[in-house]
PDB file of N, CA and C in Angstrom:
ATOM      1  N   ILE A   1     -15.412  20.309  13.851  1.00  0.00           N
ATOM      2  CA  ILE A   1     -16.450  19.338  13.550  1.00  0.00           C
ATOM      3  C   ILE A   1     -16.008  19.188  12.111  1.00  0.00           C
ATOM      4  N   GLU A   2     -15.868  19.994  11.229  1.00  0.00           N
ATOM      5  CA  GLU A   2     -15.657  19.834   9.896  1.00  0.00           C
ATOM      6  C   GLU A   2     -14.498  18.995   9.600  1.00  0.00           C
ATOM      7  N   LEU A   3     -13.258  19.358  10.281  1.00  0.00           N
ATOM      8  CA  LEU A   3     -12.161  18.479  10.283  1.00  0.00           C
ATOM      9  C   LEU A   3     -12.426  16.996  10.673  1.00  0.00           C
ATOM     10  N   ALA A   4     -13.327  16.744  11.615  1.00  0.00           N
ATOM     11  CA  ALA A   4     -13.697  15.436  12.078  1.00  0.00           C
ATOM     12  C   ALA A   4     -14.307  14.757  10.922  1.00  0.00           C
ATOM     13  N   GLU A   5     -15.183  15.329  10.297  1.00  0.00           N
ATOM     14  CA  GLU A   5     -15.965  14.854   9.224  1.00  0.00           C
ATOM     15  C   GLU A   5     -15.039  14.549   8.054  1.00  0.00           C
ATOM     16  N   ASP A   6     -13.924  15.403   7.674  1.00  0.00           N
ATOM     17  CA  ASP A   6     -13.247  15.175   6.575  1.00  0.00           C
ATOM     18  C   ASP A   6     -12.294  14.037   6.866  1.00  0.00           C
ATOM     19  N   ARG A   7     -11.905  13.714   8.192  1.00  0.00           N
ATOM     20  CA  ARG A   7     -11.209  12.509   8.558  1.00  0.00           C
ATOM     21  C   ARG A   7     -12.000  11.249   8.468  1.00  0.00           C
ATOM     22  N   LYS A   8     -13.148  11.336   8.923  1.00  0.00           N
ATOM     23  CA  LYS A   8     -13.994  10.259   8.845  1.00  0.00           C
ATOM     24  C   LYS A   8     -14.488   9.611   7.494  1.00  0.00           C
ATOM     25  N   GLN A   9     -14.515  10.753   6.681  1.00  0.00           N
ATOM     26  CA  GLN A   9     -14.781  10.398   5.169  1.00  0.00           C
ATOM     27  C   GLN A   9     -13.601   9.980   4.605  1.00  0.00           C
ATOM     28  N   SER A  10     -12.327  10.488   4.960  1.00  0.00           N
ATOM     29  CA  SER A  10     -11.158   9.821   4.380  1.00  0.00           C
ATOM     30  C   SER A  10     -10.920   8.292   4.913  1.00  0.00           C
ATOM     31  N   ILE A  11     -11.228   7.944   6.178  1.00  0.00           N
ATOM     32  CA  ILE A  11     -10.980   6.591   6.525  1.00  0.00           C
ATOM     33  C   ILE A  11     -11.925   5.916   5.804  1.00  0.00           C
ATOM     34  N   GLU A  12     -13.202   6.164   5.527  1.00  0.00           N
ATOM     35  CA  GLU A  12     -14.231   5.407   5.172  1.00  0.00           C
ATOM     36  C   GLU A  12     -13.714   5.159   3.456  1.00  0.00           C
ATOM     37  N   GLU A  13     -13.232   6.244   2.983  1.00  0.00           N
ATOM     38  CA  GLU A  13     -12.764   5.965   1.275  1.00  0.00           C
ATOM     39  C   GLU A  13     -11.668   4.914   1.317  1.00  0.00           C
ATOM     40  N   ARG A  14     -10.778   5.103   2.201  1.00  0.00           N
ATOM     41  CA  ARG A  14      -9.530   4.276   2.342  1.00  0.00           C
ATOM     42  C   ARG A  14     -10.104   2.758   2.575  1.00  0.00           C
ATOM     43  N   ASP A  15     -10.851   2.366   3.585  1.00  0.00           N
ATOM     44  CA  ASP A  15     -11.290   1.255   3.770  1.00  0.00           C
ATOM     45  C   ASP A  15     -12.120   0.688   2.707  1.00  0.00           C
ATOM     46  N   GLN A  16     -12.771   1.337   1.965  1.00  0.00           N
ATOM     47  CA  GLN A  16     -13.778   0.907   0.862  1.00  0.00           C
ATOM     48  C   GLN A  16     -12.477   0.542  -0.346  1.00  0.00           C
ATOM     49  N   PHE A  17     -11.602   1.457  -0.516  1.00  0.00           N
ATOM     50  CA  PHE A  17     -10.475   1.088  -1.480  1.00  0.00           C
ATOM     51  C   PHE A  17      -9.719  -0.254  -1.187  1.00  0.00           C
ATOM     52  N   TYR A  18      -9.501  -0.301   0.126  1.00  0.00           N
ATOM     53  CA  TYR A  18      -8.595  -1.793   0.316  1.00  0.00           C
ATOM     54  C   TYR A  18      -9.383  -2.922   0.395  1.00  0.00           C
ATOM     55  N   SER A  19     -10.730  -2.855   0.682  1.00  0.00           N
ATOM     56  CA  SER A  19     -11.494  -3.987   0.739  1.00  0.00           C
ATOM     57  C   SER A  19     -12.197  -4.332  -0.611  1.00  0.00           C
ATOM     58  N   SER A  20     -11.840  -3.530  -1.838  1.00  0.00           N
ATOM     59  CA  SER A  20     -12.340  -3.697  -3.016  1.00  0.00           C
ATOM     60  C   SER A  20     -11.837  -4.871  -3.669  1.00  0.00           C
ATOM     61  N   PRO A  21     -12.583  -5.688  -4.433  1.00  0.00           N
ATOM     62  CA  PRO A  21     -12.224  -6.806  -5.333  1.00  0.00           C
ATOM     63  C   PRO A  21     -10.930  -6.411  -6.021  1.00  0.00           C
ATOM     64  N   GLU A  22     -10.874  -5.226  -6.840  1.00  0.00           N
ATOM     65  CA  GLU A  22      -9.960  -4.773  -7.766  1.00  0.00           C
ATOM     66  C   GLU A  22      -8.669  -4.896  -6.914  1.00  0.00           C
ATOM     67  N   TRP A  23      -8.561  -4.062  -5.938  1.00  0.00           N
ATOM     68  CA  TRP A  23      -7.354  -4.053  -5.187  1.00  0.00           C
ATOM     69  C   TRP A  23      -6.766  -5.430  -4.484  1.00  0.00           C
ATOM     70  N   ASN A  24      -7.867  -6.375  -4.117  1.00  0.00           N
ATOM     71  CA  ASN A  24      -7.252  -7.634  -3.349  1.00  0.00           C
ATOM     72  C   ASN A  24      -6.845  -8.478  -4.450  1.00  0.00           C
ATOM     73  N   MET A  25      -7.376  -8.478  -5.913  1.00  0.00           N
ATOM     74  CA  MET A  25      -6.808  -9.164  -6.759  1.00  0.00           C
ATOM     75  C   MET A  25      -5.466  -8.786  -7.287  1.00  0.00           C
ATOM     76  N   LEU A  26      -5.293  -7.528  -7.395  1.00  0.00           N
ATOM     77  CA  LEU A  26      -4.006  -6.726  -7.803  1.00  0.00           C
ATOM     78  C   LEU A  26      -3.031  -7.046  -6.795  1.00  0.00           C
ATOM     79  N   ARG A  27      -3.144  -6.965  -5.432  1.00  0.00           N
ATOM     80  CA  ARG A  27      -2.282  -7.303  -4.463  1.00  0.00           C
ATOM     81  C   ARG A  27      -1.945  -8.720  -4.347  1.00  0.00           C
ATOM     82  N   LYS A  28      -2.762  -9.419  -4.582  1.00  0.00           N
ATOM     83  CA  LYS A  28      -2.255 -10.868  -4.620  1.00  0.00           C
ATOM     84  C   LYS A  28      -1.317 -11.085  -5.720  1.00  0.00           C
ATOM     85  N   GLN A  29      -1.591 -10.630  -6.884  1.00  0.00           N
ATOM     86  CA  GLN A  29      -0.741 -10.684  -8.114  1.00  0.00           C
ATOM     87  C   GLN A  29       0.572 -10.034  -7.887  1.00  0.00           C
ATOM     88  N   VAL A  30       0.746  -8.939  -7.366  1.00  0.00           N
ATOM     89  CA  VAL A  30       2.062  -8.167  -6.861  1.00  0.00           C
ATOM     90  C   VAL A  30       2.733  -9.083  -6.166  1.00  0.00           C
ATOM     91  N   ILE A  31       2.182  -9.761  -5.044  1.00  0.00           N
ATOM     92  CA  ILE A  31       2.914 -10.524  -3.845  1.00  0.00           C
ATOM     93  C   ILE A  31       3.395 -11.971  -4.707  1.00  0.00           C
ATOM     94  N   ASN A  32       2.559 -12.388  -5.623  1.00  0.00           N
ATOM     95  CA  ASN A  32       2.909 -13.349  -6.429  1.00  0.00           C
ATOM     96  C   ASN A  32       4.130 -13.359  -7.385  1.00  0.00           C
ATOM     97  N   GLU A  33       4.050 -12.160  -7.944  1.00  0.00           N
ATOM     98  CA  GLU A  33       5.309 -11.769  -9.007  1.00  0.00           C
ATOM     99  C   GLU A  33       6.414 -11.243  -8.435  1.00  0.00           C
ATOM    100  N   LYS A  34       6.415 -10.494  -7.242  1.00  0.00           N
ATOM    101  CA  LYS A  34       7.545 -10.036  -6.631  1.00  0.00           C
ATOM    102  C   LYS A  34       8.010 -10.739  -5.461  1.00  0.00           C
ATOM    103  N   GLY A  35       7.242 -11.684  -4.948  1.00  0.00           N
ATOM    104  CA  GLY A  35       7.675 -12.655  -3.710  1.00  0.00           C
ATOM    105  C   GLY A  35       7.584 -11.951  -2.574  1.00  0.00           C
ATOM    106  N   ARG A  36       8.166 -12.590  -1.471  1.00  0.00           N
ATOM    107  CA  ARG A  36       7.901 -12.137  -0.278  1.00  0.00           C
ATOM    108  C   ARG A  36       9.169 -11.559   0.558  1.00  0.00           C
ATOM    109  N   VAL A  37       9.738 -10.757  -0.438  1.00  0.00           N
ATOM    110  CA  VAL A  37      10.965 -10.041   0.046  1.00  0.00           C
ATOM    111  C   VAL A  37      10.751  -8.710   0.063  1.00  0.00           C
ATOM    112  N   CYS A  38      10.970  -7.980   1.070  1.00  0.00           N
ATOM    113  CA  CYS A  38      10.708  -6.579   1.224  1.00  0.00           C
ATOM    114  C   CYS A  38      11.806  -5.849   0.333  1.00  0.00           C
ATOM    115  N   ALA A  39      11.014  -4.740  -0.387  1.00  0.00           N
ATOM    116  CA  ALA A  39      11.821  -4.019  -1.375  1.00  0.00           C
ATOM    117  C   ALA A  39      12.543  -2.830  -0.572  1.00  0.00           C
ATOM    118  N   GLY A  40      12.234  -2.580   0.742  1.00  0.00           N
ATOM    119  CA  GLY A  40      12.914  -1.518   1.465  1.00  0.00           C
ATOM    120  C   GLY A  40      13.986  -2.073   2.146  1.00  0.00           C
ATOM    121  N   CYS A  41      13.910  -3.150   3.106  1.00  0.00           N
ATOM    122  CA  CYS A  41      15.028  -3.622   3.614  1.00  0.00           C
ATOM    123  C   CYS A  41      15.731  -4.918   3.445  1.00  0.00           C
ATOM    124  N   GLY A  42      14.946  -5.631   2.441  1.00  0.00           N
ATOM    125  CA  GLY A  42      15.642  -6.927   1.900  1.00  0.00           C
ATOM    126  C   GLY A  42      15.181  -8.079   2.601  1.00  0.00           C
ATOM    127  N   ARG A  43      14.310  -7.873   3.715  1.00  0.00           N
ATOM    128  CA  ARG A  43      14.246  -9.019   4.543  1.00  0.00           C
ATOM    129  C   ARG A  43      13.114  -9.795   3.854  1.00  0.00           C
ATOM    130  N   ARG A  44      13.292 -11.342   4.167  1.00  0.00           N
ATOM    131  CA  ARG A  44      12.139 -12.234   3.800  1.00  0.00           C
ATOM    132  C   ARG A  44      11.024 -12.198   4.729  1.00  0.00           C
ATOM    133  N   ILE A  45       9.863 -12.078   4.259  1.00  0.00           N
ATOM    134  CA  ILE A  45       8.718 -11.778   5.093  1.00  0.00           C
ATOM    135  C   ILE A  45       7.916 -12.947   5.158  1.00  0.00           C
ATOM    136  N   GLN A  46       7.893 -13.612   6.425  1.00  0.00           N
ATOM    137  CA  GLN A  46       7.330 -14.796   6.772  1.00  0.00           C
ATOM    138  C   GLN A  46       5.799 -14.814   6.978  1.00  0.00           C
ATOM    139  N   SER A  47       5.375 -13.899   7.751  1.00  0.00           N
ATOM    140  CA  SER A  47       4.065 -13.823   8.203  1.00  0.00           C
ATOM    141  C   SER A  47       2.892 -12.844   7.210  1.00  0.00           C
ATOM    142  N   ASN A  48       1.939 -13.532   7.051  1.00  0.00           N
ATOM    143  CA  ASN A  48       0.888 -12.749   6.152  1.00  0.00           C
ATOM    144  C   ASN A  48       0.290 -11.449   6.919  1.00  0.00           C
ATOM    145  N   ASP A  49       0.718 -11.177   8.081  1.00  0.00           N
ATOM    146  CA  ASP A  49       0.349 -10.013   8.794  1.00  0.00           C
ATOM    147  C   ASP A  49       1.420  -9.111   8.605  1.00  0.00           C
ATOM    148  N   ASP A  50       2.615  -9.382   8.245  1.00  0.00           N
ATOM    149  CA  ASP A  50       3.784  -8.398   8.090  1.00  0.00           C
ATOM    150  C   ASP A  50       3.884  -7.994   6.567  1.00  0.00           C
ATOM    151  N   ILE A  51       3.286  -8.654   5.598  1.00  0.00           N
ATOM    152  CA  ILE A  51       3.348  -8.349   4.121  1.00  0.00           C
ATOM    153  C   ILE A  51       2.394  -7.321   3.675  1.00  0.00           C
ATOM    154  N   THR A  52       3.015  -6.088   3.204  1.00  0.00           N
ATOM    155  CA  THR A  52       2.147  -5.303   2.546  1.00  0.00           C
ATOM    156  C   THR A  52       2.386  -4.807   0.992  1.00  0.00           C
ATOM    157  N   VAL A  53       1.602  -4.457   0.496  1.00  0.00           N
ATOM    158  CA  VAL A  53       1.728  -3.925  -1.086  1.00  0.00           C
ATOM    159  C   VAL A  53       1.620  -2.396  -0.927  1.00  0.00           C
ATOM    160  N   ASP A  54       2.803  -1.769  -1.267  1.00  0.00           N
ATOM    161  CA  ASP A  54       2.700  -0.313  -0.990  1.00  0.00           C
ATOM    162  C   ASP A  54       2.656   0.567  -2.439  1.00  0.00           C
ATOM    163  N   HIS A  55       2.106   1.632  -2.376  1.00  0.00           N
ATOM    164  CA  HIS A  55       1.999   2.525  -3.308  1.00  0.00           C
ATOM    165  C   HIS A  55       3.371   3.257  -3.525  1.00  0.00           C
ATOM    166  N   ILE A  56       4.343   3.051  -4.565  1.00  0.00           N
ATOM    167  CA  ILE A  56       5.485   3.819  -4.459  1.00  0.00           C
ATOM    168  C   ILE A  56       5.118   5.278  -4.493  1.00  0.00           C
ATOM    169  N   LYS A  57       4.204   5.764  -5.428  1.00  0.00           N
ATOM    170  CA  LYS A  57       3.927   7.230  -5.434  1.00  0.00           C
ATOM    171  C   LYS A  57       2.539   7.128  -4.598  1.00  0.00           C
ATOM    172  N   PRO A  58       2.572   7.881  -3.682  1.00  0.00           N
ATOM    173  CA  PRO A  58       1.416   7.448  -2.731  1.00  0.00           C
ATOM    174  C   PRO A  58      -0.066   7.804  -3.154  1.00  0.00           C
ATOM    175  N   ARG A  59      -1.012   7.072  -2.768  1.00  0.00           N
ATOM    176  CA  ARG A  59      -2.471   7.133  -3.266  1.00  0.00           C
ATOM    177  C   ARG A  59      -3.128   8.605  -3.023  1.00  0.00           C
ATOM    178  N   SER A  60      -2.553   9.192  -1.890  1.00  0.00           N
ATOM    179  CA  SER A  60      -3.144  10.574  -1.639  1.00  0.00           C
ATOM    180  C   SER A  60      -2.530  11.566  -2.616  1.00  0.00           C
ATOM    181  N   LYS A  61      -1.454  11.431  -2.964  1.00  0.00           N
ATOM    182  CA  LYS A  61      -0.992  12.360  -4.097  1.00  0.00           C
ATOM    183  C   LYS A  61      -1.158  11.877  -5.466  1.00  0.00           C
ATOM    184  N   TYR A  62      -1.203  10.700  -5.694  1.00  0.00           N
ATOM    185  CA  TYR A  62      -1.332  10.126  -7.133  1.00  0.00           C
ATOM    186  C   TYR A  62      -2.566   9.210  -7.265  1.00  0.00           C
ATOM    187  N   PRO A  63      -3.668   9.797  -7.081  1.00  0.00           N
ATOM    188  CA  PRO A  63      -4.910   8.754  -7.170  1.00  0.00           C
ATOM    189  C   PRO A  63      -5.131   8.153  -8.599  1.00  0.00           C
ATOM    190  N   ASP A  64      -4.488   8.589  -9.609  1.00  0.00           N
ATOM    191  CA  ASP A  64      -4.821   8.008 -10.999  1.00  0.00           C
ATOM    192  C   ASP A  64      -3.964   6.813 -11.133  1.00  0.00           C
ATOM    193  N   LEU A  65      -2.770   6.562  -9.929  1.00  0.00           N
ATOM    194  CA  LEU A  65      -1.863   5.387 -10.159  1.00  0.00           C
ATOM    195  C   LEU A  65      -2.346   4.272  -9.152  1.00  0.00           C
ATOM    196  N   VAL A  66      -3.518   4.354  -8.429  1.00  0.00           N
ATOM    197  CA  VAL A  66      -3.849   3.341  -7.231  1.00  0.00           C
ATOM    198  C   VAL A  66      -3.763   1.960  -7.658  1.00  0.00           C
ATOM    199  N   LEU A  67      -4.108   1.715  -9.010  1.00  0.00           N
ATOM    200  CA  LEU A  67      -4.193   0.330  -9.463  1.00  0.00           C
ATOM    201  C   LEU A  67      -3.205   0.121 -10.674  1.00  0.00           C
ATOM    202  N   THR A  68      -2.014   0.925 -10.771  1.00  0.00           N
ATOM    203  CA  THR A  68      -1.115   0.671 -11.548  1.00  0.00           C
ATOM    204  C   THR A  68      -0.077  -0.312 -10.882  1.00  0.00           C
ATOM    205  N   ARG A  69       0.206  -1.327 -11.724  1.00  0.00           N
ATOM    206  CA  ARG A  69       1.070  -2.345 -11.215  1.00  0.00           C
ATOM    207  C   ARG A  69       2.496  -1.906 -10.898  1.00  0.00           C
ATOM    208  N   GLU A  70       2.931  -1.056 -11.869  1.00  0.00           N
ATOM    209  CA  GLU A  70       4.190  -0.582 -11.947  1.00  0.00           C
ATOM    210  C   GLU A  70       4.554   0.409 -10.738  1.00  0.00           C
ATOM    211  N   ASN A  71       3.531   0.955 -10.090  1.00  0.00           N
ATOM    212  CA  ASN A  71       3.589   1.819  -8.985  1.00  0.00           C
ATOM    213  C   ASN A  71       3.532   0.964  -7.548  1.00  0.00           C
ATOM    214  N   LEU A  72       3.300  -0.264  -7.626  1.00  0.00           N
ATOM    215  CA  LEU A  72       3.486  -1.147  -6.488  1.00  0.00           C
ATOM    216  C   LEU A  72       4.814  -1.838  -6.235  1.00  0.00           C
ATOM    217  N   ARG A  73       4.846  -2.156  -4.787  1.00  0.00           N
ATOM    218  CA  ARG A  73       5.949  -3.137  -4.493  1.00  0.00           C
ATOM    219  C   ARG A  73       5.720  -3.581  -3.084  1.00  0.00           C
ATOM    220  N   VAL A  74       6.261  -4.812  -2.706  1.00  0.00           N
ATOM    221  CA  VAL A  74       5.990  -5.500  -1.681  1.00  0.00           C
ATOM    222  C   VAL A  74       7.036  -4.813  -0.548  1.00  0.00           C
ATOM    223  N   LEU A  75       6.353  -4.518   0.557  1.00  0.00           N
ATOM    224  CA  LEU A  75       7.184  -3.962   1.841  1.00  0.00           C
ATOM    225  C   LEU A  75       6.723  -4.658   2.968  1.00  0.00           C
ATOM    226  N   CYS A  76       7.682  -4.885   4.033  1.00  0.00           N
ATOM    227  CA  CYS A  76       7.339  -5.364   5.399  1.00  0.00           C
ATOM    228  C   CYS A  76       6.639  -4.223   6.058  1.00  0.00           C
ATOM    229  N   ARG A  77       5.717  -4.655   7.080  1.00  0.00           N
ATOM    230  CA  ARG A  77       4.903  -3.635   7.817  1.00  0.00           C
ATOM    231  C   ARG A  77       5.637  -2.302   8.312  1.00  0.00           C
ATOM    232  N   SER A  78       6.987  -2.753   8.784  1.00  0.00           N
ATOM    233  CA  SER A  78       7.772  -1.630   9.410  1.00  0.00           C
ATOM    234  C   SER A  78       8.337  -0.738   8.544  1.00  0.00           C
ATOM    235  N   CYS A  79       8.887  -1.220   7.372  1.00  0.00           N
ATOM    236  CA  CYS A  79       9.214  -0.103   6.137  1.00  0.00           C
ATOM    237  C   CYS A  79       7.943   0.520   5.582  1.00  0.00           C
ATOM    238  N   ASN A  80       6.849  -0.121   5.591  1.00  0.00           N
ATOM    239  CA  ASN A  80       5.847   0.671   5.037  1.00  0.00           C
ATOM    240  C   ASN A  80       5.211   1.631   6.079  1.00  0.00           C
ATOM    241  N   SER A  81       5.313   1.394   7.242  1.00  0.00           N
ATOM    242  CA  SER A  81       4.865   2.473   8.312  1.00  0.00           C
ATOM    243  C   SER A  81       5.903   3.661   8.451  1.00  0.00           C
ATOM    244  N   GLN A  82       7.112   3.378   8.219  1.00  0.00           N
ATOM    245  CA  GLN A  82       8.181   4.343   8.196  1.00  0.00           C
ATOM    246  C   GLN A  82       8.080   5.121   7.025  1.00  0.00           C
ATOM    247  N   LYS A  83       7.618   4.853   5.765  1.00  0.00           N
ATOM    248  CA  LYS A  83       7.488   5.538   4.721  1.00  0.00           C
ATOM    249  C   LYS A  83       6.130   6.689   4.763  1.00  0.00           C
ATOM    250  N   GLY A  84       5.187   6.020   5.265  1.00  0.00           N
ATOM    251  CA  GLY A  84       4.048   6.975   5.260  1.00  0.00           C
ATOM    252  C   GLY A  84       3.400   7.365   3.892  1.00  0.00           C
ATOM    253  N   ASP A  85       3.369   8.591   3.642  1.00  0.00           N
ATOM    254  CA  ASP A  85       2.665   9.024   2.291  1.00  0.00           C
ATOM    255  C   ASP A  85       3.827   9.721   1.671  1.00  0.00           C
ATOM    256  N   ARG A  86       5.181   9.437   1.823  1.00  0.00           N
ATOM    257  CA  ARG A  86       6.165   9.877   1.131  1.00  0.00           C
ATOM    258  C   ARG A  86       6.357   9.083   0.116  1.00  0.00           C
ATOM    259  N   GLU A  87       7.093   9.630  -1.117  1.00  0.00           N
ATOM    260  CA  GLU A  87       7.625   8.969  -2.171  1.00  0.00           C
ATOM    261  C   GLU A  87       8.806   8.071  -1.864  1.00  0.00           C
ATOM    262  N   PHE A  88       8.903   6.913  -2.310  1.00  0.00           N
ATOM    263  CA  PHE A  88      10.065   5.958  -2.099  1.00  0.00           C
ATOM    264  C   PHE A  88      11.108   6.710  -2.496  1.00  0.00           C
ATOM    265  N   GLU A  89      12.284   6.505  -1.926  1.00  0.00           N
ATOM    266  CA  GLU A  89      13.741   7.120  -2.066  1.00  0.00           C
ATOM    267  C   GLU A  89      14.739   5.930  -2.298  1.00  0.00           C
ATOM    268  N   GLU A  90      15.173   5.709  -3.240  1.00  0.00           N
ATOM    269  CA  GLU A  90      16.331   4.870  -3.590  1.00  0.00           C
ATOM    270  C   GLU A  90      17.687   4.853  -2.708  1.00  0.00           C
TER     271      GLU A  90
END
């Protein structure tokens, strides 16, 4: 039961962060600055459903960097899913 409560709280915190005005504004800025090309596979991202802004150093491990522009990059959904909460490897 305790594990389920921890998981629920984690999901609620994540949802709250990703719906915040600060994140949404920064996300749009990163996409505008870096373009719609995936930093992982180099593919041009056509669909808005396929574009993500990734935390290079994961939010779960580096909470102090969640709104740091230098820690963000554009990824397609596939590359972002493969990365999970691991740090990006060049």
